Amino acid sequence: MHELALTEGILKIVASEQKKSGFARVLEIGMSIGEYSGIVPSCIEEYFPLVSKGTAAEGAALRMEMLPAEFKCTDCGWSGALPKHEACCPNCRSTALRMTKGREFFVNNLVVE
């Protein structure tokens, strides 16, 4: 259910940018979502029409880019992507991995008129 709050947060960003820039409406909202963020894009798509009704973002297209996770091995220094459910470094087989990317969620851009 946290996608509802996230969707409301997207609309707060739109309102803030509208106040700064004075645009009439939003045509497109670009977002990046990390694969381990826990966010379900289809839920944002479902909530968006309800939450955006009557706002400058009503009817805007949602463009969601999924960002792959990346890890760093704290034992050997290897870094890169791993297949899901892989829990060890492909270089040294250590399990001392730290996620460096993959939990992000942010609005990249607004296309406005």
N, C-alpha and C. Protein backbone atom coordinates (compact mmCIF):
# COMPACT_ATOMS: atom_id res chain seq x y z
N MET A 1 0.81 -1.20 0.00
CA MET A 1 0.00 0.00 0.00
C MET A 1 0.86 1.26 0.00
N HIS A 2 2.18 1.13 0.20
CA HIS A 2 3.00 2.34 0.22
C HIS A 2 3.06 3.02 -1.14
N GLU A 3 2.63 2.33 -2.21
CA GLU A 3 2.60 2.95 -3.53
C GLU A 3 1.62 4.12 -3.59
N LEU A 4 0.55 4.06 -2.78
CA LEU A 4 -0.39 5.18 -2.72
C LEU A 4 0.33 6.42 -2.19
N ALA A 5 1.07 6.27 -1.12
CA ALA A 5 1.82 7.40 -0.56
C ALA A 5 2.88 7.89 -1.53
N LEU A 6 3.53 6.97 -2.24
CA LEU A 6 4.52 7.37 -3.24
C LEU A 6 3.88 8.15 -4.37
N THR A 7 2.71 7.69 -4.81
CA THR A 7 1.98 8.39 -5.88
C THR A 7 1.59 9.79 -5.42
N GLU A 8 1.14 9.91 -4.19
CA GLU A 8 0.83 11.24 -3.65
C GLU A 8 2.09 12.11 -3.60
N GLY A 9 3.22 11.49 -3.29
CA GLY A 9 4.49 12.21 -3.28
C GLY A 9 4.88 12.72 -4.66
N ILE A 10 4.61 11.93 -5.68
CA ILE A 10 4.87 12.36 -7.06
C ILE A 10 4.06 13.61 -7.37
N LEU A 11 2.81 13.62 -6.93
CA LEU A 11 1.94 14.78 -7.17
C LEU A 11 2.42 16.00 -6.40
N LYS A 12 3.02 15.80 -5.23
CA LYS A 12 3.59 16.93 -4.48
C LYS A 12 4.78 17.53 -5.24
N ILE A 13 5.57 16.66 -5.87
CA ILE A 13 6.69 17.14 -6.68
C ILE A 13 6.15 17.96 -7.85
N VAL A 14 5.12 17.44 -8.51
CA VAL A 14 4.50 18.16 -9.63
C VAL A 14 4.00 19.53 -9.17
N ALA A 15 3.29 19.57 -8.05
CA ALA A 15 2.74 20.83 -7.54
C ALA A 15 3.86 21.82 -7.22
N SER A 16 4.93 21.34 -6.63
CA SER A 16 6.07 22.20 -6.29
C SER A 16 6.71 22.78 -7.55
N GLU A 17 6.92 21.92 -8.55
CA GLU A 17 7.51 22.39 -9.80
C GLU A 17 6.58 23.33 -10.55
N GLN A 18 5.28 23.08 -10.47
CA GLN A 18 4.30 23.97 -11.12
C GLN A 18 4.34 25.35 -10.47
N LYS A 19 4.46 25.38 -9.17
CA LYS A 19 4.52 26.65 -8.44
C LYS A 19 5.78 27.44 -8.85
N LYS A 20 6.90 26.73 -9.03
CA LYS A 20 8.15 27.38 -9.43
C LYS A 20 8.12 27.85 -10.88
N SER A 21 7.61 27.00 -11.77
CA SER A 21 7.72 27.24 -13.21
C SER A 21 6.46 27.79 -13.87
N GLY A 22 5.31 27.56 -13.27
CA GLY A 22 4.07 28.09 -13.81
C GLY A 22 3.52 27.38 -15.04
N PHE A 23 3.88 26.14 -15.26
CA PHE A 23 3.34 25.41 -16.42
C PHE A 23 1.87 25.09 -16.21
N ALA A 24 1.18 24.84 -17.32
CA ALA A 24 -0.27 24.57 -17.27
C ALA A 24 -0.57 23.12 -16.94
N ARG A 25 0.13 22.21 -17.59
CA ARG A 25 -0.15 20.80 -17.32
C ARG A 25 1.07 19.94 -17.63
N VAL A 26 1.05 18.75 -17.08
CA VAL A 26 2.12 17.78 -17.26
C VAL A 26 1.68 16.76 -18.31
N LEU A 27 2.53 16.54 -19.29
CA LEU A 27 2.25 15.54 -20.32
C LEU A 27 2.84 14.18 -19.97
N GLU A 28 3.98 14.21 -19.30
CA GLU A 28 4.69 12.96 -19.00
C GLU A 28 5.52 13.11 -17.73
N ILE A 29 5.56 12.04 -16.96
CA ILE A 29 6.39 12.00 -15.75
C ILE A 29 7.35 10.83 -15.90
N GLY A 30 8.64 11.12 -15.86
CA GLY A 30 9.67 10.08 -15.96
C GLY A 30 10.20 9.73 -14.59
N MET A 31 10.27 8.43 -14.30
CA MET A 31 10.74 7.96 -12.99
C MET A 31 11.76 6.85 -13.16
N SER A 32 12.60 6.68 -12.18
CA SER A 32 13.52 5.55 -12.10
C SER A 32 13.21 4.77 -10.84
N ILE A 33 13.16 3.44 -10.98
CA ILE A 33 12.79 2.56 -9.87
C ILE A 33 13.81 1.43 -9.79
N GLY A 34 14.47 1.32 -8.67
CA GLY A 34 15.44 0.25 -8.46
C GLY A 34 14.74 -1.10 -8.33
N GLU A 35 15.38 -2.15 -8.86
CA GLU A 35 14.74 -3.47 -8.86
C GLU A 35 14.51 -4.03 -7.45
N TYR A 36 15.25 -3.56 -6.45
CA TYR A 36 15.05 -4.01 -5.08
C TYR A 36 14.40 -2.93 -4.21
N SER A 37 13.74 -1.97 -4.82
CA SER A 37 13.10 -0.89 -4.07
C SER A 37 11.84 -1.35 -3.36
N GLY A 38 11.26 -2.45 -3.81
CA GLY A 38 10.02 -2.93 -3.22
C GLY A 38 8.79 -2.25 -3.80
N ILE A 39 8.99 -1.42 -4.82
CA ILE A 39 7.89 -0.68 -5.43
C ILE A 39 7.30 -1.50 -6.57
N VAL A 40 5.98 -1.55 -6.61
CA VAL A 40 5.27 -2.26 -7.67
C VAL A 40 4.75 -1.21 -8.65
N PRO A 41 5.40 -1.09 -9.82
CA PRO A 41 5.00 -0.06 -10.78
C PRO A 41 3.53 -0.11 -11.18
N SER A 42 2.97 -1.29 -11.30
CA SER A 42 1.56 -1.40 -11.71
C SER A 42 0.63 -0.77 -10.67
N CYS A 43 1.03 -0.77 -9.41
CA CYS A 43 0.21 -0.12 -8.37
C CYS A 43 0.25 1.40 -8.52
N ILE A 44 1.42 1.95 -8.84
CA ILE A 44 1.51 3.39 -9.09
C ILE A 44 0.63 3.75 -10.28
N GLU A 45 0.69 2.93 -11.32
CA GLU A 45 -0.15 3.17 -12.51
C GLU A 45 -1.63 3.10 -12.17
N GLU A 46 -1.99 2.23 -11.25
CA GLU A 46 -3.39 2.10 -10.85
C GLU A 46 -3.85 3.30 -10.01
N TYR A 47 -3.02 3.75 -9.08
CA TYR A 47 -3.39 4.86 -8.20
C TYR A 47 -3.33 6.22 -8.90
N PHE A 48 -2.44 6.36 -9.88
CA PHE A 48 -2.18 7.67 -10.46
C PHE A 48 -3.43 8.37 -11.00
N PRO A 49 -4.29 7.73 -11.77
CA PRO A 49 -5.47 8.45 -12.26
C PRO A 49 -6.38 8.97 -11.15
N LEU A 50 -6.47 8.24 -10.05
CA LEU A 50 -7.30 8.68 -8.92
C LEU A 50 -6.68 9.86 -8.20
N VAL A 51 -5.39 9.77 -7.93
CA VAL A 51 -4.70 10.79 -7.16
C VAL A 51 -4.49 12.07 -7.97
N SER A 52 -4.31 11.94 -9.28
CA SER A 52 -4.01 13.11 -10.11
C SER A 52 -5.25 13.83 -10.63
N LYS A 53 -6.42 13.27 -10.39
CA LYS A 53 -7.66 13.88 -10.89
C LYS A 53 -7.78 15.32 -10.40
N GLY A 54 -7.99 16.23 -11.35
CA GLY A 54 -8.14 17.64 -11.01
C GLY A 54 -6.84 18.40 -10.81
N THR A 55 -5.70 17.74 -11.06
CA THR A 55 -4.39 18.40 -10.92
C THR A 55 -3.79 18.64 -12.29
N ALA A 56 -2.67 19.33 -12.32
CA ALA A 56 -1.96 19.58 -13.58
C ALA A 56 -1.43 18.29 -14.20
N ALA A 57 -1.35 17.23 -13.42
CA ALA A 57 -0.82 15.96 -13.91
C ALA A 57 -1.91 15.01 -14.40
N GLU A 58 -3.16 15.40 -14.31
CA GLU A 58 -4.24 14.52 -14.75
C GLU A 58 -4.02 14.15 -16.23
N GLY A 59 -4.05 12.87 -16.52
CA GLY A 59 -3.87 12.38 -17.89
C GLY A 59 -2.43 12.25 -18.33
N ALA A 60 -1.47 12.58 -17.47
CA ALA A 60 -0.06 12.48 -17.85
C ALA A 60 0.35 11.02 -18.03
N ALA A 61 1.26 10.80 -18.97
CA ALA A 61 1.83 9.46 -19.17
C ALA A 61 2.90 9.23 -18.12
N LEU A 62 2.99 8.00 -17.63
CA LEU A 62 4.03 7.62 -16.68
C LEU A 62 5.08 6.78 -17.40
N ARG A 63 6.33 7.21 -17.34
CA ARG A 63 7.43 6.47 -17.94
C ARG A 63 8.33 5.99 -16.81
N MET A 64 8.36 4.69 -16.62
CA MET A 64 9.12 4.12 -15.51
C MET A 64 10.29 3.30 -16.03
N GLU A 65 11.48 3.71 -15.64
CA GLU A 65 12.70 2.99 -16.00
C GLU A 65 13.10 2.14 -14.79
N MET A 66 13.27 0.84 -15.03
CA MET A 66 13.71 -0.04 -13.95
C MET A 66 15.23 -0.07 -13.92
N LEU A 67 15.80 0.19 -12.76
CA LEU A 67 17.25 0.22 -12.59
C LEU A 67 17.73 -1.10 -12.00
N PRO A 68 18.69 -1.75 -12.65
CA PRO A 68 19.20 -3.01 -12.11
C PRO A 68 20.04 -2.78 -10.85
N ALA A 69 20.06 -3.78 -10.01
CA ALA A 69 20.87 -3.71 -8.78
C ALA A 69 22.33 -3.96 -9.12
N GLU A 70 23.20 -3.35 -8.33
CA GLU A 70 24.63 -3.59 -8.43
C GLU A 70 25.15 -3.84 -7.02
N PHE A 71 26.19 -4.64 -6.94
CA PHE A 71 26.75 -5.04 -5.66
C PHE A 71 28.25 -4.85 -5.66
N LYS A 72 28.82 -4.75 -4.46
CA LYS A 72 30.27 -4.69 -4.29
C LYS A 72 30.66 -5.72 -3.24
N CYS A 73 31.69 -6.49 -3.55
CA CYS A 73 32.22 -7.46 -2.60
C CYS A 73 33.22 -6.73 -1.70
N THR A 74 32.97 -6.79 -0.41
CA THR A 74 33.88 -6.11 0.53
C THR A 74 35.15 -6.90 0.79
N ASP A 75 35.20 -8.15 0.32
CA ASP A 75 36.41 -8.95 0.49
C ASP A 75 37.40 -8.75 -0.66
N CYS A 76 36.95 -8.85 -1.91
CA CYS A 76 37.89 -8.77 -3.04
C CYS A 76 37.75 -7.50 -3.87
N GLY A 77 36.68 -6.72 -3.66
CA GLY A 77 36.51 -5.48 -4.39
C GLY A 77 35.72 -5.60 -5.69
N TRP A 78 35.31 -6.80 -6.07
CA TRP A 78 34.50 -6.97 -7.29
C TRP A 78 33.24 -6.12 -7.17
N SER A 79 32.77 -5.58 -8.30
CA SER A 79 31.49 -4.90 -8.30
C SER A 79 30.79 -5.17 -9.62
N GLY A 80 29.46 -5.24 -9.54
CA GLY A 80 28.67 -5.46 -10.74
C GLY A 80 27.30 -6.02 -10.40
N ALA A 81 26.60 -6.44 -11.43
CA ALA A 81 25.26 -7.00 -11.27
C ALA A 81 25.35 -8.50 -10.99
N LEU A 82 24.35 -9.00 -10.29
CA LEU A 82 24.24 -10.42 -10.00
C LEU A 82 22.85 -10.90 -10.39
N PRO A 83 22.74 -12.14 -10.82
CA PRO A 83 21.40 -12.69 -11.06
C PRO A 83 20.62 -12.71 -9.74
N LYS A 84 19.30 -12.53 -9.84
CA LYS A 84 18.48 -12.62 -8.62
C LYS A 84 18.73 -13.96 -7.93
N HIS A 85 18.68 -13.94 -6.63
CA HIS A 85 18.86 -15.11 -5.78
C HIS A 85 20.30 -15.60 -5.75
N GLU A 86 21.23 -14.87 -6.33
CA GLU A 86 22.65 -15.20 -6.22
C GLU A 86 23.17 -14.45 -5.01
N ALA A 87 23.78 -15.15 -4.07
CA ALA A 87 24.15 -14.52 -2.81
C ALA A 87 25.65 -14.52 -2.54
N CYS A 88 26.46 -14.72 -3.58
CA CYS A 88 27.89 -14.67 -3.34
C CYS A 88 28.61 -14.03 -4.52
N CYS A 89 29.79 -13.55 -4.25
CA CYS A 89 30.63 -12.88 -5.23
C CYS A 89 31.04 -13.88 -6.32
N PRO A 90 30.86 -13.51 -7.58
CA PRO A 90 31.27 -14.43 -8.65
C PRO A 90 32.78 -14.54 -8.79
N ASN A 91 33.52 -13.63 -8.18
CA ASN A 91 34.97 -13.64 -8.27
C ASN A 91 35.62 -14.49 -7.18
N CYS A 92 35.21 -14.28 -5.92
CA CYS A 92 35.87 -14.97 -4.80
C CYS A 92 34.93 -15.86 -4.00
N ARG A 93 33.65 -15.86 -4.35
CA ARG A 93 32.60 -16.66 -3.71
C ARG A 93 32.28 -16.20 -2.28
N SER A 94 32.74 -15.05 -1.89
CA SER A 94 32.41 -14.49 -0.58
C SER A 94 30.94 -14.07 -0.54
N THR A 95 30.37 -14.09 0.65
CA THR A 95 29.00 -13.59 0.82
C THR A 95 28.99 -12.17 1.39
N ALA A 96 30.15 -11.56 1.45
CA ALA A 96 30.28 -10.20 1.99
C ALA A 96 29.96 -9.18 0.89
N LEU A 97 28.70 -9.16 0.48
CA LEU A 97 28.26 -8.26 -0.59
C LEU A 97 27.48 -7.09 -0.02
N ARG A 98 27.70 -5.93 -0.63
CA ARG A 98 26.97 -4.72 -0.25
C ARG A 98 26.27 -4.20 -1.50
N MET A 99 24.97 -3.93 -1.40
CA MET A 99 24.24 -3.38 -2.54
C MET A 99 24.60 -1.90 -2.69
N THR A 100 25.03 -1.51 -3.88
CA THR A 100 25.40 -0.13 -4.14
C THR A 100 24.35 0.60 -4.99
N LYS A 101 23.53 -0.14 -5.71
CA LYS A 101 22.44 0.43 -6.51
C LYS A 101 21.30 -0.58 -6.52
N GLY A 102 20.09 -0.05 -6.69
CA GLY A 102 18.95 -0.97 -6.80
C GLY A 102 17.79 -0.65 -5.88
N ARG A 103 17.96 0.29 -4.97
CA ARG A 103 16.87 0.66 -4.06
C ARG A 103 16.30 2.05 -4.37
N GLU A 104 16.76 2.65 -5.46
CA GLU A 104 16.37 4.02 -5.78
C GLU A 104 14.90 4.13 -6.18
N PHE A 105 14.37 5.31 -5.98
CA PHE A 105 13.08 5.71 -6.54
C PHE A 105 13.10 7.21 -6.63
N PHE A 106 13.03 7.75 -7.84
CA PHE A 106 13.01 9.19 -7.99
C PHE A 106 12.34 9.60 -9.30
N VAL A 107 11.87 10.83 -9.30
CA VAL A 107 11.29 11.44 -10.49
C VAL A 107 12.46 12.07 -11.25
N ASN A 108 12.65 11.62 -12.51
CA ASN A 108 13.74 12.13 -13.36
C ASN A 108 13.38 13.43 -14.03
N ASN A 109 12.17 13.46 -14.61
CA ASN A 109 11.82 14.61 -15.42
C ASN A 109 10.30 14.74 -15.56
N LEU A 110 9.89 15.95 -15.90
CA LEU A 110 8.50 16.25 -16.22
C LEU A 110 8.50 16.87 -17.62
N VAL A 111 7.62 16.36 -18.47
CA VAL A 111 7.38 17.00 -19.77
C VAL A 111 6.10 17.80 -19.59
N VAL A 112 6.20 19.12 -19.79
CA VAL A 112 5.08 20.01 -19.47
C VAL A 112 4.73 20.89 -20.67
N GLU A 113 3.56 21.52 -20.56
CA GLU A 113 3.20 22.53 -21.56
C GLU A 113 2.62 23.73 -20.84
